[in-house]
Amino acid sequence: SIAELFDSRPSSVARGMAANPMVLRFTFSHPVTISRISGDFWPMDTEWRVTASTVGGERLSKHTRRQLHTQQDTSLTLELAESPQVVTELELEVYDHRQRPGFAHVHIKELQWE
């Protein structure tokens, strides 16, 4: 569930099941100030895109891809911009490039923005 993304328990997981990519959209009723976004993921060949909409209507997009050749969990952090941004909406898109037919499992352990 979405709550498991923010529970600070590394043993809990939000599973995308057949969603690949897994897309999460957060709309803030009161804008929040964000400078970076971090995520903890199960072992995947992860492509992660973060798009934020600012109060001024600007859309900031950051993208990373991380090849994983081990069975270890990984943590990724993206700097949203050079300075903190006041954000009204945040979209996270996570794709696992190792997927096989019938085996789509995007697993996110934790998310955090600051």
Protein backbone atom coordinates (compact mmCIF):
# COMPACT_ATOMS: atom_id res chain seq x y z
CA SER A 1 0.00 0.00 0.00
CA ILE A 2 1.04 3.64 -0.32
CA ALA A 3 1.36 3.92 3.48
CA GLU A 4 4.20 1.37 3.39
CA LEU A 5 6.28 3.79 1.33
CA PHE A 6 6.47 6.19 4.27
CA ASP A 7 6.52 3.92 7.35
CA SER A 8 10.34 3.92 7.91
CA ARG A 9 10.30 0.11 8.03
CA PRO A 10 12.72 -1.40 5.49
CA SER A 11 10.88 -4.74 5.68
CA SER A 12 7.65 -3.30 4.24
CA VAL A 13 7.20 -2.96 0.49
CA ALA A 14 4.76 -1.35 -1.93
CA ARG A 15 4.45 -3.75 -4.84
CA GLY A 16 3.54 -2.63 -8.33
CA MET A 17 2.61 -6.18 -9.31
CA ALA A 18 1.76 -5.95 -13.02
CA ALA A 19 2.54 -2.22 -13.21
CA ASN A 20 5.79 -1.67 -15.07
CA PRO A 21 6.35 1.18 -14.94
CA MET A 22 4.82 1.84 -11.56
CA VAL A 23 3.56 5.43 -11.54
CA LEU A 24 2.76 7.32 -8.35
CA ARG A 25 1.24 10.82 -8.36
CA PHE A 26 1.08 13.00 -5.28
CA THR A 27 -0.95 16.23 -5.30
CA PHE A 28 -0.38 18.48 -2.31
CA SER A 29 -3.31 20.54 -1.02
CA HIS A 30 -0.70 22.87 0.50
CA PRO A 31 2.51 23.24 -1.56
CA VAL A 32 5.64 21.66 -0.08
CA THR A 33 9.28 22.67 -0.43
CA ILE A 34 11.42 19.89 -1.92
CA SER A 35 15.09 19.82 -2.89
CA ARG A 36 15.72 16.08 -3.22
CA ILE A 37 13.85 12.81 -3.44
CA SER A 38 15.17 9.46 -2.20
CA GLY A 39 13.90 5.95 -2.75
CA ASP A 40 14.85 2.48 -1.52
CA PHE A 41 14.17 -0.32 -4.00
CA TRP A 42 14.37 -4.08 -4.16
CA PRO A 43 17.00 -5.38 -6.59
CA MET A 44 15.98 -4.22 -10.06
CA ASP A 45 17.54 -2.74 -13.18
CA THR A 46 15.91 0.52 -12.18
CA GLU A 47 14.93 3.46 -14.30
CA TRP A 48 13.46 6.22 -12.18
CA ARG A 49 11.90 9.45 -13.43
CA VAL A 50 10.72 12.21 -11.11
CA THR A 51 8.63 15.11 -12.40
CA ALA A 52 7.55 17.97 -10.14
CA SER A 53 5.14 20.80 -10.85
CA THR A 54 6.05 24.04 -9.09
CA VAL A 55 3.77 26.78 -7.80
CA GLY A 56 4.87 28.91 -10.78
CA GLY A 57 3.70 26.23 -13.24
CA GLU A 58 7.19 25.00 -14.16
CA ARG A 59 7.66 21.25 -14.64
CA LEU A 60 11.00 19.93 -13.41
CA SER A 61 11.99 16.48 -14.63
CA LYS A 62 14.91 14.36 -13.43
CA HIS A 63 15.83 10.92 -14.67
CA THR A 64 18.24 8.20 -13.63
CA ARG A 65 18.99 4.64 -14.59
CA ARG A 66 20.96 2.29 -12.44
CA GLN A 67 22.16 -1.11 -13.61
CA LEU A 68 22.14 -3.69 -10.84
CA HIS A 69 24.24 -6.79 -11.13
CA THR A 70 23.76 -8.01 -7.57
CA GLN A 71 20.86 -9.20 -5.48
CA GLN A 72 21.17 -6.25 -3.10
CA ASP A 73 18.63 -3.54 -2.39
CA THR A 74 19.57 -0.11 -3.63
CA SER A 75 18.96 3.49 -2.63
CA LEU A 76 18.73 6.28 -5.18
CA THR A 77 18.59 10.02 -4.58
CA LEU A 78 17.71 12.67 -7.14
CA GLU A 79 18.38 16.37 -6.64
CA LEU A 80 15.25 18.09 -7.92
CA ALA A 81 16.97 21.40 -8.68
CA GLU A 82 19.94 23.50 -7.58
CA SER A 83 17.78 25.12 -4.93
CA PRO A 84 14.66 23.93 -3.06
CA GLN A 85 11.44 24.19 -5.07
CA VAL A 86 7.88 24.84 -3.90
CA VAL A 87 5.96 21.92 -5.38
CA THR A 88 2.23 21.34 -5.90
CA GLU A 89 2.45 17.91 -7.58
CA LEU A 90 5.01 15.13 -7.73
CA GLU A 91 5.04 12.20 -10.14
CA LEU A 92 7.35 9.20 -9.69
CA GLU A 93 7.76 6.62 -12.44
CA VAL A 94 9.74 3.45 -11.70
CA TYR A 95 10.54 0.88 -14.39
CA ASP A 96 12.38 -2.43 -14.06
CA HIS A 97 14.24 -3.31 -17.26
CA ARG A 98 14.86 -6.92 -16.15
CA GLN A 99 11.21 -7.84 -16.48
CA ARG A 100 10.19 -11.08 -18.12
CA PRO A 101 6.73 -11.76 -19.56
CA GLY A 102 4.33 -12.54 -16.74
CA PHE A 103 6.80 -11.36 -14.09
CA ALA A 104 6.32 -7.61 -13.63
CA HIS A 105 7.31 -6.70 -10.11
CA VAL A 106 8.35 -3.15 -9.29
CA HIS A 107 9.00 -3.02 -5.55
CA ILE A 108 9.57 0.21 -3.64
CA LYS A 109 10.55 -0.03 0.01
CA GLU A 110 10.66 3.62 1.08
CA LEU A 111 10.26 7.12 -0.33
CA GLN A 112 11.33 10.39 1.20
CA TRP A 113 11.54 13.97 0.07
CA GLU A 114 13.20 16.85 1.81
